[in-house]
Amino acid sequence: MTKVQLPPLGEGIDKATVSYWYFKVGDKVNEKDDLIELTTDKATFNLPSPASGTLSEILVQEGNLVNIGEVLAIIE
């Protein structure tokens, strides 16, 4: 099991908004696939998958805020 967490984003940025999930629960993902689009007050960026496997759970829905270190999803 791999937890997908929001990594440190830079000085003064401590949260982001989940804009879009590129995969849905049950989909197979490969390491480094674009998994999530995130937006901060300064930029929009994609977070790659940290591992290959099946996206088993999405913990933060589109439109919600997430803090640095918070778990976004689980990959089995």
PDB file of N, CA and C in Angstrom:
ATOM      1  N   MET A   1       0.851  -1.186   0.000  1.00  0.00           N
ATOM      2  CA  MET A   1       0.000   0.000   0.000  1.00  0.00           C
ATOM      3  C   MET A   1       0.887   1.236   0.000  1.00  0.00           C
ATOM      4  N   THR A   2       0.572   2.182  -0.869  1.00  0.00           N
ATOM      5  CA  THR A   2       1.299   3.441  -0.949  1.00  0.00           C
ATOM      6  C   THR A   2       0.329   4.587  -0.701  1.00  0.00           C
ATOM      7  N   LYS A   3       0.706   5.472   0.214  1.00  0.00           N
ATOM      8  CA  LYS A   3      -0.093   6.664   0.468  1.00  0.00           C
ATOM      9  C   LYS A   3       0.399   7.783  -0.437  1.00  0.00           C
ATOM     10  N   VAL A   4      -0.524   8.431  -1.129  1.00  0.00           N
ATOM     11  CA  VAL A   4      -0.193   9.582  -1.961  1.00  0.00           C
ATOM     12  C   VAL A   4      -0.399  10.818  -1.094  1.00  0.00           C
ATOM     13  N   GLN A   5       0.689  11.526  -0.795  1.00  0.00           N
ATOM     14  CA  GLN A   5       0.623  12.693   0.082  1.00  0.00           C
ATOM     15  C   GLN A   5       0.988  13.959  -0.682  1.00  0.00           C
ATOM     16  N   LEU A   6       0.451  15.083  -0.209  1.00  0.00           N
ATOM     17  CA  LEU A   6       0.821  16.366  -0.779  1.00  0.00           C
ATOM     18  C   LEU A   6       2.216  16.725  -0.276  1.00  0.00           C
ATOM     19  N   PRO A   7       3.183  16.842  -1.186  1.00  0.00           N
ATOM     20  CA  PRO A   7       4.552  17.146  -0.766  1.00  0.00           C
ATOM     21  C   PRO A   7       4.730  18.635  -0.457  1.00  0.00           C
ATOM     22  N   PRO A   8       5.852  19.008   0.168  1.00  0.00           N
ATOM     23  CA  PRO A   8       6.142  20.440   0.352  1.00  0.00           C
ATOM     24  C   PRO A   8       6.145  21.131  -1.006  1.00  0.00           C
ATOM     25  N   LEU A   9       5.551  22.314  -1.055  1.00  0.00           N
ATOM     26  CA  LEU A   9       5.366  23.001  -2.336  1.00  0.00           C
ATOM     27  C   LEU A   9       6.242  24.226  -2.514  1.00  0.00           C
ATOM     28  N   GLY A  10       6.884  24.663  -1.468  1.00  0.00           N
ATOM     29  CA  GLY A  10       7.702  25.860  -1.574  1.00  0.00           C
ATOM     30  C   GLY A  10       7.416  26.779  -0.404  1.00  0.00           C
ATOM     31  N   GLU A  11       8.276  27.738  -0.264  1.00  0.00           N
ATOM     32  CA  GLU A  11       8.184  28.647   0.866  1.00  0.00           C
ATOM     33  C   GLU A  11       6.873  29.419   0.864  1.00  0.00           C
ATOM     34  N   GLY A  12       6.178  29.393   1.978  1.00  0.00           N
ATOM     35  CA  GLY A  12       4.949  30.161   2.146  1.00  0.00           C
ATOM     36  C   GLY A  12       3.705  29.481   1.597  1.00  0.00           C
ATOM     37  N   ILE A  13       3.855  28.303   0.987  1.00  0.00           N
ATOM     38  CA  ILE A  13       2.699  27.593   0.443  1.00  0.00           C
ATOM     39  C   ILE A  13       2.453  26.363   1.314  1.00  0.00           C
ATOM     40  N   ASP A  14       1.306  26.329   1.977  1.00  0.00           N
ATOM     41  CA  ASP A  14       1.043  25.214   2.895  1.00  0.00           C
ATOM     42  C   ASP A  14      -0.204  24.416   2.552  1.00  0.00           C
ATOM     43  N   LYS A  15      -0.887  24.781   1.443  1.00  0.00           N
ATOM     44  CA  LYS A  15      -2.073  24.018   1.035  1.00  0.00           C
ATOM     45  C   LYS A  15      -2.317  24.210  -0.455  1.00  0.00           C
ATOM     46  N   ALA A  16      -3.132  23.316  -0.996  1.00  0.00           N
ATOM     47  CA  ALA A  16      -3.497  23.372  -2.410  1.00  0.00           C
ATOM     48  C   ALA A  16      -4.921  22.864  -2.548  1.00  0.00           C
ATOM     49  N   THR A  17      -5.523  23.136  -3.691  1.00  0.00           N
ATOM     50  CA  THR A  17      -6.862  22.658  -4.002  1.00  0.00           C
ATOM     51  C   THR A  17      -6.766  21.556  -5.045  1.00  0.00           C
ATOM     52  N   VAL A  18      -7.467  20.452  -4.807  1.00  0.00           N
ATOM     53  CA  VAL A  18      -7.523  19.377  -5.799  1.00  0.00           C
ATOM     54  C   VAL A  18      -8.431  19.857  -6.928  1.00  0.00           C
ATOM     55  N   SER A  19      -7.842  20.025  -8.122  1.00  0.00           N
ATOM     56  CA  SER A  19      -8.614  20.502  -9.273  1.00  0.00           C
ATOM     57  C   SER A  19      -9.237  19.353 -10.056  1.00  0.00           C
ATOM     58  N   TYR A  20      -8.448  18.269 -10.234  1.00  0.00           N
ATOM     59  CA  TYR A  20      -8.915  17.200 -11.114  1.00  0.00           C
ATOM     60  C   TYR A  20      -8.160  15.904 -10.822  1.00  0.00           C
ATOM     61  N   TRP A  21      -8.868  14.803 -10.771  1.00  0.00           N
ATOM     62  CA  TRP A  21      -8.269  13.469 -10.681  1.00  0.00           C
ATOM     63  C   TRP A  21      -8.219  12.894 -12.086  1.00  0.00           C
ATOM     64  N   TYR A  22      -7.055  12.447 -12.534  1.00  0.00           N
ATOM     65  CA  TYR A  22      -6.905  11.858 -13.865  1.00  0.00           C
ATOM     66  C   TYR A  22      -7.365  10.398 -13.908  1.00  0.00           C
ATOM     67  N   PHE A  23      -7.481   9.765 -12.750  1.00  0.00           N
ATOM     68  CA  PHE A  23      -7.911   8.376 -12.650  1.00  0.00           C
ATOM     69  C   PHE A  23      -9.055   8.289 -11.654  1.00  0.00           C
ATOM     70  N   LYS A  24      -9.809   7.188 -11.713  1.00  0.00           N
ATOM     71  CA  LYS A  24     -10.858   6.962 -10.722  1.00  0.00           C
ATOM     72  C   LYS A  24     -10.543   5.695  -9.937  1.00  0.00           C
ATOM     73  N   VAL A  25     -11.224   5.495  -8.828  1.00  0.00           N
ATOM     74  CA  VAL A  25     -11.009   4.319  -7.987  1.00  0.00           C
ATOM     75  C   VAL A  25     -11.183   3.061  -8.834  1.00  0.00           C
ATOM     76  N   GLY A  26     -10.217   2.148  -8.692  1.00  0.00           N
ATOM     77  CA  GLY A  26     -10.240   0.899  -9.454  1.00  0.00           C
ATOM     78  C   GLY A  26      -9.349   0.923 -10.677  1.00  0.00           C
ATOM     79  N   ASP A  27      -8.923   2.116 -11.104  1.00  0.00           N
ATOM     80  CA  ASP A  27      -8.048   2.231 -12.274  1.00  0.00           C
ATOM     81  C   ASP A  27      -6.625   1.817 -11.921  1.00  0.00           C
ATOM     82  N   LYS A  28      -5.946   1.219 -12.897  1.00  0.00           N
ATOM     83  CA  LYS A  28      -4.532   0.909 -12.745  1.00  0.00           C
ATOM     84  C   LYS A  28      -3.722   2.143 -13.108  1.00  0.00           C
ATOM     85  N   VAL A  29      -2.700   2.442 -12.295  1.00  0.00           N
ATOM     86  CA  VAL A  29      -1.824   3.585 -12.551  1.00  0.00           C
ATOM     87  C   VAL A  29      -0.375   3.096 -12.574  1.00  0.00           C
ATOM     88  N   ASN A  30       0.448   3.813 -13.315  1.00  0.00           N
ATOM     89  CA  ASN A  30       1.873   3.522 -13.369  1.00  0.00           C
ATOM     90  C   ASN A  30       2.630   4.612 -12.620  1.00  0.00           C
ATOM     91  N   GLU A  31       3.758   4.233 -12.040  1.00  0.00           N
ATOM     92  CA  GLU A  31       4.599   5.219 -11.366  1.00  0.00           C
ATOM     93  C   GLU A  31       4.901   6.346 -12.339  1.00  0.00           C
ATOM     94  N   LYS A  32       4.801   7.564 -11.869  1.00  0.00           N
ATOM     95  CA  LYS A  32       5.072   8.809 -12.608  1.00  0.00           C
ATOM     96  C   LYS A  32       3.954   9.237 -13.551  1.00  0.00           C
ATOM     97  N   ASP A  33       2.849   8.466 -13.642  1.00  0.00           N
ATOM     98  CA  ASP A  33       1.671   8.959 -14.374  1.00  0.00           C
ATOM     99  C   ASP A  33       1.146  10.193 -13.659  1.00  0.00           C
ATOM    100  N   ASP A  34       0.650  11.181 -14.416  1.00  0.00           N
ATOM    101  CA  ASP A  34      -0.027  12.309 -13.778  1.00  0.00           C
ATOM    102  C   ASP A  34      -1.277  11.773 -13.093  1.00  0.00           C
ATOM    103  N   LEU A  35      -1.353  11.977 -11.776  1.00  0.00           N
ATOM    104  CA  LEU A  35      -2.444  11.420 -10.986  1.00  0.00           C
ATOM    105  C   LEU A  35      -3.489  12.477 -10.639  1.00  0.00           C
ATOM    106  N   ILE A  36      -3.004  13.659 -10.237  1.00  0.00           N
ATOM    107  CA  ILE A  36      -3.886  14.718  -9.731  1.00  0.00           C
ATOM    108  C   ILE A  36      -3.408  16.064 -10.250  1.00  0.00           C
ATOM    109  N   GLU A  37      -4.358  16.937 -10.599  1.00  0.00           N
ATOM    110  CA  GLU A  37      -4.037  18.339 -10.870  1.00  0.00           C
ATOM    111  C   GLU A  37      -4.366  19.128  -9.609  1.00  0.00           C
ATOM    112  N   LEU A  38      -3.402  19.919  -9.150  1.00  0.00           N
ATOM    113  CA  LEU A  38      -3.552  20.728  -7.938  1.00  0.00           C
ATOM    114  C   LEU A  38      -3.331  22.194  -8.278  1.00  0.00           C
ATOM    115  N   THR A  39      -3.988  23.062  -7.521  1.00  0.00           N
ATOM    116  CA  THR A  39      -3.860  24.495  -7.723  1.00  0.00           C
ATOM    117  C   THR A  39      -3.533  25.172  -6.400  1.00  0.00           C
ATOM    118  N   THR A  40      -2.555  26.083  -6.435  1.00  0.00           N
ATOM    119  CA  THR A  40      -2.273  26.949  -5.290  1.00  0.00           C
ATOM    120  C   THR A  40      -2.578  28.370  -5.734  1.00  0.00           C
ATOM    121  N   ASP A  41      -2.370  29.329  -4.839  1.00  0.00           N
ATOM    122  CA  ASP A  41      -2.608  30.720  -5.235  1.00  0.00           C
ATOM    123  C   ASP A  41      -1.564  31.214  -6.229  1.00  0.00           C
ATOM    124  N   LYS A  42      -0.494  30.427  -6.450  1.00  0.00           N
ATOM    125  CA  LYS A  42       0.583  30.849  -7.349  1.00  0.00           C
ATOM    126  C   LYS A  42       0.699  30.021  -8.626  1.00  0.00           C
ATOM    127  N   ALA A  43       0.212  28.768  -8.611  1.00  0.00           N
ATOM    128  CA  ALA A  43       0.434  27.900  -9.773  1.00  0.00           C
ATOM    129  C   ALA A  43      -0.543  26.729  -9.806  1.00  0.00           C
ATOM    130  N   THR A  44      -0.639  26.128 -10.993  1.00  0.00           N
ATOM    131  CA  THR A  44      -1.352  24.871 -11.179  1.00  0.00           C
ATOM    132  C   THR A  44      -0.318  23.844 -11.606  1.00  0.00           C
ATOM    133  N   PHE A  45      -0.367  22.653 -11.020  1.00  0.00           N
ATOM    134  CA  PHE A  45       0.634  21.636 -11.341  1.00  0.00           C
ATOM    135  C   PHE A  45       0.031  20.248 -11.193  1.00  0.00           C
ATOM    136  N   ASN A  46       0.706  19.258 -11.785  1.00  0.00           N
ATOM    137  CA  ASN A  46       0.285  17.864 -11.687  1.00  0.00           C
ATOM    138  C   ASN A  46       1.172  17.143 -10.685  1.00  0.00           C
ATOM    139  N   LEU A  47       0.558  16.272  -9.894  1.00  0.00           N
ATOM    140  CA  LEU A  47       1.285  15.428  -8.953  1.00  0.00           C
ATOM    141  C   LEU A  47       1.349  14.030  -9.556  1.00  0.00           C
ATOM    142  N   PRO A  48       2.577  13.506  -9.790  1.00  0.00           N
ATOM    143  CA  PRO A  48       2.685  12.165 -10.365  1.00  0.00           C
ATOM    144  C   PRO A  48       2.436  11.079  -9.330  1.00  0.00           C
ATOM    145  N   SER A  49       2.068   9.924  -9.818  1.00  0.00           N
ATOM    146  CA  SER A  49       1.864   8.769  -8.941  1.00  0.00           C
ATOM    147  C   SER A  49       3.214   8.318  -8.381  1.00  0.00           C
ATOM    148  N   PRO A  50       3.291   8.086  -7.071  1.00  0.00           N
ATOM    149  CA  PRO A  50       4.553   7.656  -6.468  1.00  0.00           C
ATOM    150  C   PRO A  50       4.835   6.163  -6.666  1.00  0.00           C
ATOM    151  N   ALA A  51       3.857   5.401  -7.190  1.00  0.00           N
ATOM    152  CA  ALA A  51       4.025   3.956  -7.354  1.00  0.00           C
ATOM    153  C   ALA A  51       3.060   3.434  -8.408  1.00  0.00           C
ATOM    154  N   SER A  52       3.350   2.251  -8.917  1.00  0.00           N
ATOM    155  CA  SER A  52       2.426   1.567  -9.821  1.00  0.00           C
ATOM    156  C   SER A  52       1.478   0.708  -8.991  1.00  0.00           C
ATOM    157  N   GLY A  53       0.254   0.537  -9.483  1.00  0.00           N
ATOM    158  CA  GLY A  53      -0.724  -0.287  -8.781  1.00  0.00           C
ATOM    159  C   GLY A  53      -2.129   0.114  -9.157  1.00  0.00           C
ATOM    160  N   THR A  54      -3.066  -0.175  -8.256  1.00  0.00           N
ATOM    161  CA  THR A  54      -4.475   0.161  -8.463  1.00  0.00           C
ATOM    162  C   THR A  54      -4.866   1.265  -7.493  1.00  0.00           C
ATOM    163  N   LEU A  55      -5.493   2.308  -8.019  1.00  0.00           N
ATOM    164  CA  LEU A  55      -5.987   3.399  -7.168  1.00  0.00           C
ATOM    165  C   LEU A  55      -7.171   2.849  -6.371  1.00  0.00           C
ATOM    166  N   SER A  56      -6.946   2.574  -5.090  1.00  0.00           N
ATOM    167  CA  SER A  56      -7.982   1.902  -4.306  1.00  0.00           C
ATOM    168  C   SER A  56      -8.878   2.851  -3.528  1.00  0.00           C
ATOM    169  N   GLU A  57      -8.378   4.071  -3.270  1.00  0.00           N
ATOM    170  CA  GLU A  57      -9.181   5.009  -2.484  1.00  0.00           C
ATOM    171  C   GLU A  57      -8.762   6.443  -2.791  1.00  0.00           C
ATOM    172  N   ILE A  58      -9.746   7.317  -2.973  1.00  0.00           N
ATOM    173  CA  ILE A  58      -9.513   8.759  -3.105  1.00  0.00           C
ATOM    174  C   ILE A  58     -10.057   9.397  -1.838  1.00  0.00           C
ATOM    175  N   LEU A  59      -9.184  10.069  -1.100  1.00  0.00           N
ATOM    176  CA  LEU A  59      -9.560  10.624   0.201  1.00  0.00           C
ATOM    177  C   LEU A  59      -9.927  12.110   0.147  1.00  0.00           C
ATOM    178  N   VAL A  60      -9.500  12.814  -0.898  1.00  0.00           N
ATOM    179  CA  VAL A  60      -9.809  14.238  -1.040  1.00  0.00           C
ATOM    180  C   VAL A  60     -10.445  14.438  -2.411  1.00  0.00           C
ATOM    181  N   GLN A  61     -11.670  14.929  -2.416  1.00  0.00           N
ATOM    182  CA  GLN A  61     -12.421  15.095  -3.659  1.00  0.00           C
ATOM    183  C   GLN A  61     -12.043  16.391  -4.371  1.00  0.00           C
ATOM    184  N   GLU A  62     -12.361  16.445  -5.656  1.00  0.00           N
ATOM    185  CA  GLU A  62     -12.119  17.649  -6.459  1.00  0.00           C
ATOM    186  C   GLU A  62     -12.801  18.851  -5.810  1.00  0.00           C
ATOM    187  N   GLY A  63     -12.076  19.957  -5.779  1.00  0.00           N
ATOM    188  CA  GLY A  63     -12.610  21.193  -5.216  1.00  0.00           C
ATOM    189  C   GLY A  63     -12.261  21.400  -3.756  1.00  0.00           C
ATOM    190  N   ASN A  64     -11.724  20.368  -3.091  1.00  0.00           N
ATOM    191  CA  ASN A  64     -11.388  20.470  -1.669  1.00  0.00           C
ATOM    192  C   ASN A  64      -9.938  20.884  -1.454  1.00  0.00           C
ATOM    193  N   LEU A  65      -9.707  21.576  -0.341  1.00  0.00           N
ATOM    194  CA  LEU A  65      -8.360  21.982   0.058  1.00  0.00           C
ATOM    195  C   LEU A  65      -7.652  20.836   0.749  1.00  0.00           C
ATOM    196  N   VAL A  66      -6.338  20.778   0.548  1.00  0.00           N
ATOM    197  CA  VAL A  66      -5.507  19.762   1.199  1.00  0.00           C
ATOM    198  C   VAL A  66      -4.249  20.453   1.726  1.00  0.00           C
ATOM    199  N   ASN A  67      -3.806  20.034   2.910  1.00  0.00           N
ATOM    200  CA  ASN A  67      -2.616  20.614   3.534  1.00  0.00           C
ATOM    201  C   ASN A  67      -1.386  19.765   3.220  1.00  0.00           C
ATOM    202  N   ILE A  68      -0.224  20.375   3.296  1.00  0.00           N
ATOM    203  CA  ILE A  68       1.041  19.675   3.106  1.00  0.00           C
ATOM    204  C   ILE A  68       1.079  18.447   4.018  1.00  0.00           C
ATOM    205  N   GLY A  69       1.463  17.301   3.464  1.00  0.00           N
ATOM    206  CA  GLY A  69       1.580  16.070   4.233  1.00  0.00           C
ATOM    207  C   GLY A  69       0.292  15.273   4.337  1.00  0.00           C
ATOM    208  N   GLU A  70      -0.823  15.860   3.957  1.00  0.00           N
ATOM    209  CA  GLU A  70      -2.107  15.155   4.040  1.00  0.00           C
ATOM    210  C   GLU A  70      -2.180  14.069   2.964  1.00  0.00           C
ATOM    211  N   VAL A  71      -2.813  12.948   3.298  1.00  0.00           N
ATOM    212  CA  VAL A  71      -2.948  11.835   2.363  1.00  0.00           C
ATOM    213  C   VAL A  71      -4.110  12.128   1.410  1.00  0.00           C
ATOM    214  N   LEU A  72      -3.813  12.052   0.106  1.00  0.00           N
ATOM    215  CA  LEU A  72      -4.800  12.324  -0.938  1.00  0.00           C
ATOM    216  C   LEU A  72      -5.487  11.056  -1.430  1.00  0.00           C
ATOM    217  N   ALA A  73      -4.711   9.966  -1.476  1.00  0.00           N
ATOM    218  CA  ALA A  73      -5.223   8.719  -2.038  1.00  0.00           C
ATOM    219  C   ALA A  73      -4.365   7.552  -1.584  1.00  0.00           C
ATOM    220  N   ILE A  74      -4.888   6.341  -1.843  1.00  0.00           N
ATOM    221  CA  ILE A  74      -4.173   5.106  -1.529  1.00  0.00           C
ATOM    222  C   ILE A  74      -4.041   4.300  -2.826  1.00  0.00           C
ATOM    223  N   ILE A  75      -2.825   3.808  -3.070  1.00  0.00           N
ATOM    224  CA  ILE A  75      -2.563   2.924  -4.210  1.00  0.00           C
ATOM    225  C   ILE A  75      -2.169   1.560  -3.661  1.00  0.00           C
ATOM    226  N   GLU A  76      -2.856   0.535  -4.104  1.00  0.00           N
ATOM    227  CA  GLU A  76      -2.549  -0.838  -3.644  1.00  0.00           C
ATOM    228  C   GLU A  76      -1.646  -1.519  -4.655  1.00  0.00           C
TER     229      GLU A  76
END
